[in-house]
PDB file of N, CA and C in Angstrom:
ATOM      1  N   MET A   1     106.085 -16.714  17.845  1.00  0.00           N
ATOM      2  CA  MET A   1     106.773 -17.934  18.182  1.00  0.00           C
ATOM      3  C   MET A   1     107.020 -18.031  19.689  1.00  0.00           C
ATOM      4  N   LEU A   2     107.339 -16.917  20.279  1.00  0.00           N
ATOM      5  CA  LEU A   2     107.588 -16.885  21.718  1.00  0.00           C
ATOM      6  C   LEU A   2     106.311 -17.229  22.492  1.00  0.00           C
ATOM      7  N   GLN A   3     105.171 -16.781  22.007  1.00  0.00           N
ATOM      8  CA  GLN A   3     103.898 -17.071  22.672  1.00  0.00           C
ATOM      9  C   GLN A   3     103.589 -18.570  22.613  1.00  0.00           C
ATOM     10  N   LEU A   4     103.923 -19.195  21.517  1.00  0.00           N
ATOM     11  CA  LEU A   4     103.696 -20.632  21.379  1.00  0.00           C
ATOM     12  C   LEU A   4     104.585 -21.404  22.346  1.00  0.00           C
ATOM     13  N   LEU A   5     105.847 -21.009  22.457  1.00  0.00           N
ATOM     14  CA  LEU A   5     106.752 -21.662  23.404  1.00  0.00           C
ATOM     15  C   LEU A   5     106.276 -21.476  24.845  1.00  0.00           C
ATOM     16  N   MET A   6     105.767 -20.312  25.183  1.00  0.00           N
ATOM     17  CA  MET A   6     105.255 -20.053  26.536  1.00  0.00           C
ATOM     18  C   MET A   6     104.023 -20.933  26.809  1.00  0.00           C
ATOM     19  N   ALA A   7     103.167 -21.080  25.816  1.00  0.00           N
ATOM     20  CA  ALA A   7     101.974 -21.907  25.982  1.00  0.00           C
ATOM     21  C   ALA A   7     102.352 -23.371  26.201  1.00  0.00           C
ATOM     22  N   VAL A   8     103.314 -23.862  25.446  1.00  0.00           N
ATOM     23  CA  VAL A   8     103.779 -25.242  25.597  1.00  0.00           C
ATOM     24  C   VAL A   8     104.420 -25.433  26.974  1.00  0.00           C
ATOM     25  N   LEU A   9     105.180 -24.455  27.436  1.00  0.00           N
ATOM     26  CA  LEU A   9     105.815 -24.522  28.748  1.00  0.00           C
ATOM     27  C   LEU A   9     104.763 -24.576  29.865  1.00  0.00           C
ATOM     28  N   VAL A  10     103.743 -23.751  29.755  1.00  0.00           N
ATOM     29  CA  VAL A  10     102.677 -23.741  30.764  1.00  0.00           C
ATOM     30  C   VAL A  10     101.944 -25.079  30.769  1.00  0.00           C
ATOM     31  N   ILE A  11     101.668 -25.602  29.596  1.00  0.00           N
ATOM     32  CA  ILE A  11     100.990 -26.899  29.512  1.00  0.00           C
ATOM     33  C   ILE A  11     101.853 -27.991  30.130  1.00  0.00           C
ATOM     34  N   CYS A  12     103.124 -27.981  29.856  1.00  0.00           N
ATOM     35  CA  CYS A  12     104.038 -28.985  30.415  1.00  0.00           C
ATOM     36  C   CYS A  12     104.130 -28.880  31.930  1.00  0.00           C
ATOM     37  N   MET A  13     104.027 -27.686  32.461  1.00  0.00           N
ATOM     38  CA  MET A  13     104.098 -27.501  33.916  1.00  0.00           C
ATOM     39  C   MET A  13     102.823 -27.999  34.602  1.00  0.00           C
ATOM     40  N   PHE A  14     101.678 -27.782  33.978  1.00  0.00           N
ATOM     41  CA  PHE A  14     100.423 -28.154  34.609  1.00  0.00           C
ATOM     42  C   PHE A  14      99.960 -29.573  34.289  1.00  0.00           C
ATOM     43  N   PHE A  15     100.577 -30.215  33.333  1.00  0.00           N
ATOM     44  CA  PHE A  15     100.169 -31.560  32.958  1.00  0.00           C
ATOM     45  C   PHE A  15     100.285 -32.556  34.114  1.00  0.00           C
ATOM     46  N   PRO A  16     101.402 -32.630  34.852  1.00  0.00           N
ATOM     47  CA  PRO A  16     101.469 -33.569  35.982  1.00  0.00           C
ATOM     48  C   PRO A  16     100.411 -33.276  37.055  1.00  0.00           C
ATOM     49  N   LEU A  17     100.135 -31.997  37.295  1.00  0.00           N
ATOM     50  CA  LEU A  17      99.103 -31.638  38.265  1.00  0.00           C
ATOM     51  C   LEU A  17      97.725 -32.107  37.800  1.00  0.00           C
ATOM     52  N   MET A  18      97.420 -31.913  36.544  1.00  0.00           N
ATOM     53  CA  MET A  18      96.136 -32.351  35.996  1.00  0.00           C
ATOM     54  C   MET A  18      96.019 -33.876  36.034  1.00  0.00           C
ATOM     55  N   LEU A  19      97.111 -34.559  35.755  1.00  0.00           N
ATOM     56  CA  LEU A  19      97.108 -36.013  35.797  1.00  0.00           C
ATOM     57  C   LEU A  19      96.836 -36.505  37.211  1.00  0.00           C
ATOM     58  N   ARG A  20      97.474 -35.904  38.203  1.00  0.00           N
ATOM     59  CA  ARG A  20      97.276 -36.286  39.603  1.00  0.00           C
ATOM     60  C   ARG A  20      95.836 -35.999  40.045  1.00  0.00           C
ATOM     61  N   MET A  21      95.273 -34.880  39.623  1.00  0.00           N
ATOM     62  CA  MET A  21      93.890 -34.545  39.979  1.00  0.00           C
ATOM     63  C   MET A  21      92.914 -35.540  39.343  1.00  0.00           C
ATOM     64  N   THR A  22      93.176 -35.937  38.126  1.00  0.00           N
ATOM     65  CA  THR A  22      92.316 -36.904  37.447  1.00  0.00           C
ATOM     66  C   THR A  22      92.358 -38.248  38.155  1.00  0.00           C
ATOM     67  N   GLN A  23      93.540 -38.679  38.575  1.00  0.00           N
ATOM     68  CA  GLN A  23      93.666 -39.944  39.284  1.00  0.00           C
ATOM     69  C   GLN A  23      92.915 -39.910  40.616  1.00  0.00           C
ATOM     70  N   SER A  24      92.956 -38.785  41.309  1.00  0.00           N
ATOM     71  CA  SER A  24      92.246 -38.701  42.589  1.00  0.00           C
ATOM     72  C   SER A  24      90.736 -38.698  42.368  1.00  0.00           C
ATOM     73  N   LEU A  25      90.259 -38.112  41.283  1.00  0.00           N
ATOM     74  CA  LEU A  25      88.827 -38.142  40.986  1.00  0.00           C
ATOM     75  C   LEU A  25      88.364 -39.546  40.631  1.00  0.00           C
ATOM     76  N   ILE A  26      89.185 -40.297  39.957  1.00  0.00           N
ATOM     77  CA  ILE A  26      88.837 -41.669  39.598  1.00  0.00           C
ATOM     78  C   ILE A  26      88.736 -42.531  40.851  1.00  0.00           C
ATOM     79  N   SER A  27      89.558 -42.265  41.848  1.00  0.00           N
ATOM     80  CA  SER A  27      89.552 -43.093  43.056  1.00  0.00           C
ATOM     81  C   SER A  27      88.352 -42.829  43.956  1.00  0.00           C
ATOM     82  N   ILE A  28      87.622 -41.745  43.734  1.00  0.00           N
ATOM     83  CA  ILE A  28      86.416 -41.483  44.521  1.00  0.00           C
ATOM     84  C   ILE A  28      85.372 -42.516  44.129  1.00  0.00           C
ATOM     85  N   GLN A  29      84.837 -43.221  45.142  1.00  0.00           N
ATOM     86  CA  GLN A  29      83.893 -44.287  44.874  1.00  0.00           C
ATOM     87  C   GLN A  29      82.506 -43.910  45.363  1.00  0.00           C
ATOM     88  N   ARG A  30      81.512 -44.609  44.845  1.00  0.00           N
ATOM     89  CA  ARG A  30      80.151 -44.447  45.316  1.00  0.00           C
ATOM     90  C   ARG A  30      80.030 -45.120  46.676  1.00  0.00           C
ATOM     91  N   PHE A  31      78.863 -44.953  47.299  1.00  0.00           N
ATOM     92  CA  PHE A  31      78.599 -45.653  48.547  1.00  0.00           C
ATOM     93  C   PHE A  31      78.818 -47.136  48.329  1.00  0.00           C
ATOM     94  N   PRO A  32      79.313 -47.840  49.321  1.00  0.00           N
ATOM     95  CA  PRO A  32      79.403 -49.299  49.186  1.00  0.00           C
ATOM     96  C   PRO A  32      78.005 -49.893  48.989  1.00  0.00           C
ATOM     97  N   SER A  33      77.944 -51.050  48.337  1.00  0.00           N
ATOM     98  CA  SER A  33      76.646 -51.656  48.039  1.00  0.00           C
ATOM     99  C   SER A  33      75.868 -51.982  49.309  1.00  0.00           C
ATOM    100  N   GLU A  34      76.552 -52.251  50.423  1.00  0.00           N
ATOM    101  CA  GLU A  34      75.854 -52.549  51.677  1.00  0.00           C
ATOM    102  C   GLU A  34      75.056 -51.334  52.149  1.00  0.00           C
ATOM    103  N   VAL A  35      75.627 -50.157  52.012  1.00  0.00           N
ATOM    104  CA  VAL A  35      74.934 -48.931  52.414  1.00  0.00           C
ATOM    105  C   VAL A  35      73.759 -48.677  51.482  1.00  0.00           C
ATOM    106  N   GLN A  36      73.969 -48.849  50.194  1.00  0.00           N
ATOM    107  CA  GLN A  36      72.885 -48.676  49.228  1.00  0.00           C
ATOM    108  C   GLN A  36      71.752 -49.662  49.505  1.00  0.00           C
ATOM    109  N   ASP A  37      72.104 -50.911  49.837  1.00  0.00           N
ATOM    110  CA  ASP A  37      71.093 -51.912  50.158  1.00  0.00           C
ATOM    111  C   ASP A  37      70.273 -51.497  51.367  1.00  0.00           C
ATOM    112  N   GLN A  38      70.934 -51.035  52.419  1.00  0.00           N
ATOM    113  CA  GLN A  38      70.218 -50.658  53.634  1.00  0.00           C
ATOM    114  C   GLN A  38      69.270 -49.487  53.389  1.00  0.00           C
ATOM    115  N   ILE A  39      69.693 -48.531  52.592  1.00  0.00           N
ATOM    116  CA  ILE A  39      68.830 -47.394  52.260  1.00  0.00           C
ATOM    117  C   ILE A  39      67.629 -47.871  51.440  1.00  0.00           C
ATOM    118  N   GLY A  40      67.869 -48.669  50.416  1.00  0.00           N
ATOM    119  CA  GLY A  40      66.788 -49.180  49.571  1.00  0.00           C
ATOM    120  C   GLY A  40      65.819 -50.059  50.339  1.00  0.00           C
ATOM    121  N   LEU A  41      66.346 -50.924  51.214  1.00  0.00           N
ATOM    122  CA  LEU A  41      65.478 -51.809  51.999  1.00  0.00           C
ATOM    123  C   LEU A  41      64.646 -51.022  53.005  1.00  0.00           C
ATOM    124  N   ALA A  42      65.221 -49.980  53.586  1.00  0.00           N
ATOM    125  CA  ALA A  42      64.459 -49.136  54.519  1.00  0.00           C
ATOM    126  C   ALA A  42      63.318 -48.435  53.784  1.00  0.00           C
ATOM    127  N   GLN A  43      63.576 -47.944  52.580  1.00  0.00           N
ATOM    128  CA  GLN A  43      62.522 -47.309  51.789  1.00  0.00           C
ATOM    129  C   GLN A  43      61.450 -48.325  51.396  1.00  0.00           C
ATOM    130  N   LEU A  44      61.870 -49.532  51.043  1.00  0.00           N
ATOM    131  CA  LEU A  44      60.915 -50.580  50.683  1.00  0.00           C
ATOM    132  C   LEU A  44      60.045 -50.952  51.875  1.00  0.00           C
ATOM    133  N   ARG A  45      60.648 -51.130  53.049  1.00  0.00           N
ATOM    134  CA  ARG A  45      59.868 -51.457  54.255  1.00  0.00           C
ATOM    135  C   ARG A  45      58.848 -50.361  54.566  1.00  0.00           C
ATOM    136  N   ARG A  46      59.272 -49.134  54.440  1.00  0.00           N
ATOM    137  CA  ARG A  46      58.365 -48.003  54.700  1.00  0.00           C
ATOM    138  C   ARG A  46      57.191 -48.023  53.720  1.00  0.00           C
ATOM    139  N   PHE A  47      57.479 -48.284  52.457  1.00  0.00           N
ATOM    140  CA  PHE A  47      56.424 -48.365  51.456  1.00  0.00           C
ATOM    141  C   PHE A  47      55.467 -49.521  51.768  1.00  0.00           C
ATOM    142  N   LEU A  48      56.011 -50.705  52.090  1.00  0.00           N
ATOM    143  CA  LEU A  48      55.182 -51.885  52.326  1.00  0.00           C
ATOM    144  C   LEU A  48      54.355 -51.757  53.604  1.00  0.00           C
ATOM    145  N   ASN A  49      54.781 -50.931  54.551  1.00  0.00           N
ATOM    146  CA  ASN A  49      53.990 -50.709  55.760  1.00  0.00           C
ATOM    147  C   ASN A  49      52.661 -50.036  55.440  1.00  0.00           C
ATOM    148  N   CYS A  50      52.594 -49.330  54.326  1.00  0.00           N
ATOM    149  CA  CYS A  50      51.367 -48.626  53.916  1.00  0.00           C
ATOM    150  C   CYS A  50      50.535 -49.460  52.958  1.00  0.00           C
ATOM    151  N   CYS A  51      50.946 -50.686  52.694  1.00  0.00           N
ATOM    152  CA  CYS A  51      50.265 -51.529  51.713  1.00  0.00           C
ATOM    153  C   CYS A  51      49.759 -52.813  52.367  1.00  0.00           C
ATOM    154  N   LYS A  52      48.867 -53.468  51.652  1.00  0.00           N
ATOM    155  CA  LYS A  52      48.421 -54.805  52.026  1.00  0.00           C
ATOM    156  C   LYS A  52      48.979 -55.765  50.985  1.00  0.00           C
ATOM    157  N   VAL A  53      49.705 -56.773  51.428  1.00  0.00           N
ATOM    158  CA  VAL A  53      50.279 -57.748  50.498  1.00  0.00           C
ATOM    159  C   VAL A  53      49.149 -58.619  49.972  1.00  0.00           C
ATOM    160  N   GLN A  54      48.998 -58.624  48.655  1.00  0.00           N
ATOM    161  CA  GLN A  54      47.919 -59.363  48.015  1.00  0.00           C
ATOM    162  C   GLN A  54      48.356 -60.775  47.643  1.00  0.00           C
ATOM    163  N   SER A  55      49.546 -60.904  47.087  1.00  0.00           N
ATOM    164  CA  SER A  55      50.044 -62.237  46.735  1.00  0.00           C
ATOM    165  C   SER A  55      51.567 -62.237  46.689  1.00  0.00           C
ATOM    166  N   ILE A  56      52.091 -63.419  46.924  1.00  0.00           N
ATOM    167  CA  ILE A  56      53.547 -63.614  46.906  1.00  0.00           C
ATOM    168  C   ILE A  56      53.832 -64.806  46.015  1.00  0.00           C
ATOM    169  N   SER A  57      54.676 -64.603  45.033  1.00  0.00           N
ATOM    170  CA  SER A  57      55.200 -65.723  44.266  1.00  0.00           C
ATOM    171  C   SER A  57      56.707 -65.730  44.481  1.00  0.00           C
ATOM    172  N   ILE A  58      57.357 -66.704  43.943  1.00  0.00           N
ATOM    173  CA  ILE A  58      58.787 -66.833  44.191  1.00  0.00           C
ATOM    174  C   ILE A  58      59.577 -65.636  43.667  1.00  0.00           C
ATOM    175  N   ASP A  59      59.110 -65.023  42.572  1.00  0.00           N
ATOM    176  CA  ASP A  59      59.882 -63.929  41.979  1.00  0.00           C
ATOM    177  C   ASP A  59      59.139 -62.597  41.901  1.00  0.00           C
ATOM    178  N   GLU A  60      57.951 -62.517  42.539  1.00  0.00           N
ATOM    179  CA  GLU A  60      57.192 -61.272  42.484  1.00  0.00           C
ATOM    180  C   GLU A  60      56.317 -61.134  43.725  1.00  0.00           C
ATOM    181  N   LEU A  61      56.220 -59.909  44.184  1.00  0.00           N
ATOM    182  CA  LEU A  61      55.369 -59.567  45.322  1.00  0.00           C
ATOM    183  C   LEU A  61      54.345 -58.548  44.830  1.00  0.00           C
ATOM    184  N   ILE A  62      53.078 -58.810  45.084  1.00  0.00           N
ATOM    185  CA  ILE A  62      52.027 -57.886  44.667  1.00  0.00           C
ATOM    186  C   ILE A  62      51.361 -57.329  45.914  1.00  0.00           C
ATOM    187  N   CYS A  63      51.310 -56.005  46.000  1.00  0.00           N
ATOM    188  CA  CYS A  63      50.677 -55.356  47.136  1.00  0.00           C
ATOM    189  C   CYS A  63      49.745 -54.255  46.641  1.00  0.00           C
ATOM    190  N   VAL A  64      48.829 -53.850  47.532  1.00  0.00           N
ATOM    191  CA  VAL A  64      47.800 -52.891  47.155  1.00  0.00           C
ATOM    192  C   VAL A  64      47.710 -51.812  48.214  1.00  0.00           C
ATOM    193  N   ASN A  65      47.657 -50.555  47.800  1.00  0.00           N
ATOM    194  CA  ASN A  65      47.199 -49.456  48.645  1.00  0.00           C
ATOM    195  C   ASN A  65      46.145 -48.729  47.825  1.00  0.00           C
ATOM    196  N   ASP A  66      46.424 -47.618  47.253  1.00  0.00           N
ATOM    197  CA  ASP A  66      45.441 -46.980  46.368  1.00  0.00           C
ATOM    198  C   ASP A  66      45.439 -47.611  44.976  1.00  0.00           C
ATOM    199  N   LYS A  67      46.492 -48.326  44.629  1.00  0.00           N
ATOM    200  CA  LYS A  67      46.550 -49.088  43.377  1.00  0.00           C
ATOM    201  C   LYS A  67      47.389 -50.337  43.602  1.00  0.00           C
ATOM    202  N   GLN A  68      47.435 -51.181  42.617  1.00  0.00           N
ATOM    203  CA  GLN A  68      48.177 -52.434  42.723  1.00  0.00           C
ATOM    204  C   GLN A  68      49.627 -52.217  42.301  1.00  0.00           C
ATOM    205  N   TRP A  69      50.557 -52.689  43.128  1.00  0.00           N
ATOM    206  CA  TRP A  69      51.987 -52.541  42.874  1.00  0.00           C
ATOM    207  C   TRP A  69      52.625 -53.920  42.716  1.00  0.00           C
ATOM    208  N   HIS A  70      53.598 -54.008  41.831  1.00  0.00           N
ATOM    209  CA  HIS A  70      54.359 -55.241  41.609  1.00  0.00           C
ATOM    210  C   HIS A  70      55.818 -54.959  41.952  1.00  0.00           C
ATOM    211  N   LEU A  71      56.385 -55.801  42.786  1.00  0.00           N
ATOM    212  CA  LEU A  71      57.807 -55.711  43.132  1.00  0.00           C
ATOM    213  C   LEU A  71      58.492 -56.903  42.501  1.00  0.00           C
ATOM    214  N   ARG A  72      59.445 -56.636  41.600  1.00  0.00           N
ATOM    215  CA  ARG A  72      60.143 -57.717  40.906  1.00  0.00           C
ATOM    216  C   ARG A  72      61.498 -57.230  40.396  1.00  0.00           C
ATOM    217  N   CYS A  73      62.285 -58.185  39.965  1.00  0.00           N
ATOM    218  CA  CYS A  73      63.622 -57.886  39.456  1.00  0.00           C
ATOM    219  C   CYS A  73      63.606 -58.001  37.936  1.00  0.00           C
ATOM    220  N   SER A  74      64.181 -56.991  37.291  1.00  0.00           N
ATOM    221  CA  SER A  74      64.316 -57.017  35.836  1.00  0.00           C
ATOM    222  C   SER A  74      65.503 -56.157  35.447  1.00  0.00           C
ATOM    223  N   GLU A  75      66.293 -56.646  34.521  1.00  0.00           N
ATOM    224  CA  GLU A  75      67.468 -55.929  34.025  1.00  0.00           C
ATOM    225  C   GLU A  75      68.368 -55.444  35.155  1.00  0.00           C
ATOM    226  N   LYS A  76      68.607 -56.339  36.117  1.00  0.00           N
ATOM    227  CA  LYS A  76      69.505 -56.099  37.254  1.00  0.00           C
ATOM    228  C   LYS A  76      69.042 -54.984  38.188  1.00  0.00           C
ATOM    229  N   ASN A  77      67.739 -54.730  38.216  1.00  0.00           N
ATOM    230  CA  ASN A  77      67.171 -53.762  39.145  1.00  0.00           C
ATOM    231  C   ASN A  77      65.958 -54.369  39.822  1.00  0.00           C
ATOM    232  N   LEU A  78      65.813 -54.121  41.114  1.00  0.00           N
ATOM    233  CA  LEU A  78      64.598 -54.472  41.829  1.00  0.00           C
ATOM    234  C   LEU A  78      63.733 -53.230  41.799  1.00  0.00           C
ATOM    235  N   PHE A  79      62.533 -53.345  41.214  1.00  0.00           N
ATOM    236  CA  PHE A  79      61.730 -52.143  41.072  1.00  0.00           C
ATOM    237  C   PHE A  79      60.265 -52.400  41.341  1.00  0.00           C
ATOM    238  N   LEU A  80      59.574 -51.307  41.656  1.00  0.00           N
ATOM    239  CA  LEU A  80      58.130 -51.290  41.841  1.00  0.00           C
ATOM    240  C   LEU A  80      57.497 -50.745  40.574  1.00  0.00           C
ATOM    241  N   SER A  81      56.409 -51.372  40.148  1.00  0.00           N
ATOM    242  CA  SER A  81      55.673 -50.858  39.007  1.00  0.00           C
ATOM    243  C   SER A  81      54.186 -50.872  39.364  1.00  0.00           C
ATOM    244  N   PRO A  82      53.316 -50.069  38.804  1.00  0.00           N
ATOM    245  CA  PRO A  82      53.478 -49.305  37.582  1.00  0.00           C
ATOM    246  C   PRO A  82      54.447 -48.144  37.765  1.00  0.00           C
ATOM    247  N   GLY A  83      54.906 -47.661  36.653  1.00  0.00           N
ATOM    248  CA  GLY A  83      55.994 -46.703  36.704  1.00  0.00           C
ATOM    249  C   GLY A  83      57.270 -47.491  36.905  1.00  0.00           C
ATOM    250  N   THR A  84      58.292 -46.810  37.248  1.00  0.00           N
ATOM    251  CA  THR A  84      59.554 -47.500  37.518  1.00  0.00           C
ATOM    252  C   THR A  84      60.211 -46.852  38.717  1.00  0.00           C
ATOM    253  N   ILE A  85      59.950 -47.410  39.872  1.00  0.00           N
ATOM    254  CA  ILE A  85      60.601 -46.957  41.095  1.00  0.00           C
ATOM    255  C   ILE A  85      61.670 -47.995  41.414  1.00  0.00           C
ATOM    256  N   ILE A  86      62.912 -47.635  41.209  1.00  0.00           N
ATOM    257  CA  ILE A  86      64.010 -48.569  41.449  1.00  0.00           C
ATOM    258  C   ILE A  86      64.309 -48.595  42.948  1.00  0.00           C
ATOM    259  N   VAL A  87      64.224 -49.792  43.529  1.00  0.00           N
ATOM    260  CA  VAL A  87      64.482 -49.983  44.955  1.00  0.00           C
ATOM    261  C   VAL A  87      65.941 -50.335  45.179  1.00  0.00           C
ATOM    262  N   LEU A  88      66.456 -51.293  44.426  1.00  0.00           N
ATOM    263  CA  LEU A  88      67.855 -51.716  44.519  1.00  0.00           C
ATOM    264  C   LEU A  88      68.423 -51.866  43.112  1.00  0.00           C
ATOM    265  N   GLU A  89      69.656 -51.428  42.935  1.00  0.00           N
ATOM    266  CA  GLU A  89      70.333 -51.563  41.644  1.00  0.00           C
ATOM    267  C   GLU A  89      71.372 -52.671  41.715  1.00  0.00           C
ATOM    268  N   GLY A  90      71.665 -53.273  40.588  1.00  0.00           N
ATOM    269  CA  GLY A  90      72.719 -54.275  40.512  1.00  0.00           C
ATOM    270  C   GLY A  90      72.326 -55.614  41.108  1.00  0.00           C
ATOM    271  N   ILE A  91      71.031 -55.910  41.132  1.00  0.00           N
ATOM    272  CA  ILE A  91      70.531 -57.170  41.675  1.00  0.00           C
ATOM    273  C   ILE A  91      70.387 -58.157  40.524  1.00  0.00           C
ATOM    274  N   GLU A  92      70.992 -59.323  40.675  1.00  0.00           N
ATOM    275  CA  GLU A  92      70.950 -60.303  39.596  1.00  0.00           C
ATOM    276  C   GLU A  92      69.697 -61.173  39.660  1.00  0.00           C
ATOM    277  N   GLU A  93      69.295 -61.569  40.864  1.00  0.00           N
ATOM    278  CA  GLU A  93      68.098 -62.384  41.055  1.00  0.00           C
ATOM    279  C   GLU A  93      67.468 -62.018  42.382  1.00  0.00           C
ATOM    280  N   VAL A  94      66.165 -62.281  42.499  1.00  0.00           N
ATOM    281  CA  VAL A  94      65.472 -62.049  43.765  1.00  0.00           C
ATOM    282  C   VAL A  94      64.412 -63.133  43.948  1.00  0.00           C
ATOM    283  N   PHE A  95      64.243 -63.567  45.196  1.00  0.00           N
ATOM    284  CA  PHE A  95      63.210 -64.532  45.560  1.00  0.00           C
ATOM    285  C   PHE A  95      62.505 -64.029  46.809  1.00  0.00           C
ATOM    286  N   PHE A  96      61.200 -64.219  46.850  1.00  0.00           N
ATOM    287  CA  PHE A  96      60.406 -63.829  48.009  1.00  0.00           C
ATOM    288  C   PHE A  96      59.919 -65.082  48.720  1.00  0.00           C
ATOM    289  N   ASP A  97      59.819 -64.993  50.042  1.00  0.00           N
ATOM    290  CA  ASP A  97      59.411 -66.138  50.850  1.00  0.00           C
ATOM    291  C   ASP A  97      58.610 -65.636  52.038  1.00  0.00           C
ATOM    292  N   GLN A  98      57.509 -66.335  52.325  1.00  0.00           N
ATOM    293  CA  GLN A  98      56.714 -65.966  53.497  1.00  0.00           C
ATOM    294  C   GLN A  98      56.941 -67.014  54.575  1.00  0.00           C
ATOM    295  N   ARG A  99      57.329 -66.548  55.738  1.00  0.00           N
ATOM    296  CA  ARG A  99      57.534 -67.411  56.909  1.00  0.00           C
ATOM    297  C   ARG A  99      56.687 -66.836  58.036  1.00  0.00           C
ATOM    298  N   ASP A 100      55.728 -67.616  58.484  1.00  0.00           N
ATOM    299  CA  ASP A 100      54.745 -67.151  59.466  1.00  0.00           C
ATOM    300  C   ASP A 100      54.086 -65.884  58.915  1.00  0.00           C
ATOM    301  N   ASN A 101      54.175 -64.778  59.605  1.00  0.00           N
ATOM    302  CA  ASN A 101      53.591 -63.521  59.122  1.00  0.00           C
ATOM    303  C   ASN A 101      54.645 -62.592  58.529  1.00  0.00           C
ATOM    304  N   GLN A 102      55.818 -63.091  58.302  1.00  0.00           N
ATOM    305  CA  GLN A 102      56.915 -62.262  57.800  1.00  0.00           C
ATOM    306  C   GLN A 102      57.188 -62.572  56.331  1.00  0.00           C
ATOM    307  N   ILE A 103      57.598 -61.544  55.607  1.00  0.00           N
ATOM    308  CA  ILE A 103      58.002 -61.738  54.214  1.00  0.00           C
ATOM    309  C   ILE A 103      59.488 -61.426  54.120  1.00  0.00           C
ATOM    310  N   TRP A 104      60.220 -62.383  53.605  1.00  0.00           N
ATOM    311  CA  TRP A 104      61.662 -62.275  53.452  1.00  0.00           C
ATOM    312  C   TRP A 104      62.003 -62.172  51.972  1.00  0.00           C
ATOM    313  N   MET A 105      63.090 -61.503  51.701  1.00  0.00           N
ATOM    314  CA  MET A 105      63.580 -61.372  50.337  1.00  0.00           C
ATOM    315  C   MET A 105      65.018 -61.894  50.306  1.00  0.00           C
ATOM    316  N   LEU A 106      65.282 -62.780  49.382  1.00  0.00           N
ATOM    317  CA  LEU A 106      66.621 -63.314  49.159  1.00  0.00           C
ATOM    318  C   LEU A 106      67.073 -62.781  47.809  1.00  0.00           C
ATOM    319  N   TYR A 107      68.240 -62.121  47.786  1.00  0.00           N
ATOM    320  CA  TYR A 107      68.684 -61.531  46.517  1.00  0.00           C
ATOM    321  C   TYR A 107      70.172 -61.781  46.297  1.00  0.00           C
ATOM    322  N   LEU A 108      70.523 -61.795  45.019  1.00  0.00           N
ATOM    323  CA  LEU A 108      71.897 -62.064  44.599  1.00  0.00           C
ATOM    324  C   LEU A 108      72.515 -60.783  44.065  1.00  0.00           C
ATOM    325  N   ARG A 109      73.621 -60.382  44.692  1.00  0.00           N
ATOM    326  CA  ARG A 109      74.376 -59.212  44.248  1.00  0.00           C
ATOM    327  C   ARG A 109      75.861 -59.582  44.286  1.00  0.00           C
ATOM    328  N   ASN A 110      76.555 -59.351  43.198  1.00  0.00           N
ATOM    329  CA  ASN A 110      78.001 -59.639  43.107  1.00  0.00           C
ATOM    330  C   ASN A 110      78.326 -61.075  43.508  1.00  0.00           C
ATOM    331  N   ASN A 111      77.541 -62.016  43.003  1.00  0.00           N
ATOM    332  CA  ASN A 111      77.728 -63.445  43.278  1.00  0.00           C
ATOM    333  C   ASN A 111      77.626 -63.782  44.765  1.00  0.00           C
ATOM    334  N   GLN A 112      76.890 -62.997  45.507  1.00  0.00           N
ATOM    335  CA  GLN A 112      76.718 -63.231  46.940  1.00  0.00           C
ATOM    336  C   GLN A 112      75.232 -63.119  47.285  1.00  0.00           C
ATOM    337  N   TRP A 113      74.698 -64.158  47.921  1.00  0.00           N
ATOM    338  CA  TRP A 113      73.293 -64.155  48.311  1.00  0.00           C
ATOM    339  C   TRP A 113      73.130 -63.402  49.622  1.00  0.00           C
ATOM    340  N   LYS A 114      72.092 -62.565  49.684  1.00  0.00           N
ATOM    341  CA  LYS A 114      71.781 -61.805  50.889  1.00  0.00           C
ATOM    342  C   LYS A 114      70.313 -61.997  51.200  1.00  0.00           C
ATOM    343  N   GLU A 115      69.982 -61.935  52.486  1.00  0.00           N
ATOM    344  CA  GLU A 115      68.606 -62.122  52.907  1.00  0.00           C
ATOM    345  C   GLU A 115      68.170 -60.927  53.743  1.00  0.00           C
ATOM    346  N   ALA A 116      66.920 -60.487  53.521  1.00  0.00           N
ATOM    347  CA  ALA A 116      66.428 -59.312  54.242  1.00  0.00           C
ATOM    348  C   ALA A 116      64.954 -59.499  54.591  1.00  0.00           C
ATOM    349  N   LEU A 117      64.590 -59.117  55.787  1.00  0.00           N
ATOM    350  CA  LEU A 117      63.197 -59.091  56.211  1.00  0.00           C
ATOM    351  C   LEU A 117      62.589 -57.808  55.677  1.00  0.00           C
ATOM    352  N   ILE A 118      61.498 -57.926  54.887  1.00  0.00           N
ATOM    353  CA  ILE A 118      60.918 -56.706  54.304  1.00  0.00           C
ATOM    354  C   ILE A 118      59.560 -56.348  54.902  1.00  0.00           C
ATOM    355  N   THR A 119      58.833 -57.323  55.447  1.00  0.00           N
ATOM    356  CA  THR A 119      57.617 -57.002  56.203  1.00  0.00           C
ATOM    357  C   THR A 119      57.539 -57.885  57.431  1.00  0.00           C
ATOM    358  N   ASN A 120      56.965 -57.362  58.457  1.00  0.00           N
ATOM    359  CA  ASN A 120      56.853 -58.103  59.707  1.00  0.00           C
ATOM    360  C   ASN A 120      55.417 -58.042  60.189  1.00  0.00           C
ATOM    361  N   GLY A 121      54.650 -59.065  59.793  1.00  0.00           N
ATOM    362  CA  GLY A 121      53.254 -59.150  60.234  1.00  0.00           C
ATOM    363  C   GLY A 121      52.378 -58.362  59.446  1.00  0.00           C
TER     364      GLY A 121
END
């Protein structure tokens, strides 16, 4: 009986500490979406520098290097296929636009439209 009381006492002493540690772990956040966007866009630009853009439609970009790649948004992710290389997560919509020799991408994240230059010439 004494061992049970000691165990309950120890649990009661450490419970507030465990609660405080859990709250601090919950408050740790991932990178802000702006940082994630910049990393993903830099990787996309690097990839597209090694490719030749074959066609651009409003919702898909097709480019070719050793094989044909499709860049499009599906299930809130911007990804390259074949395979599934996720470029940006949490994207609701994406549109591609060619202006002069530049390709721009307009995307919707958290009800906010953002625009990014993805190829230059």
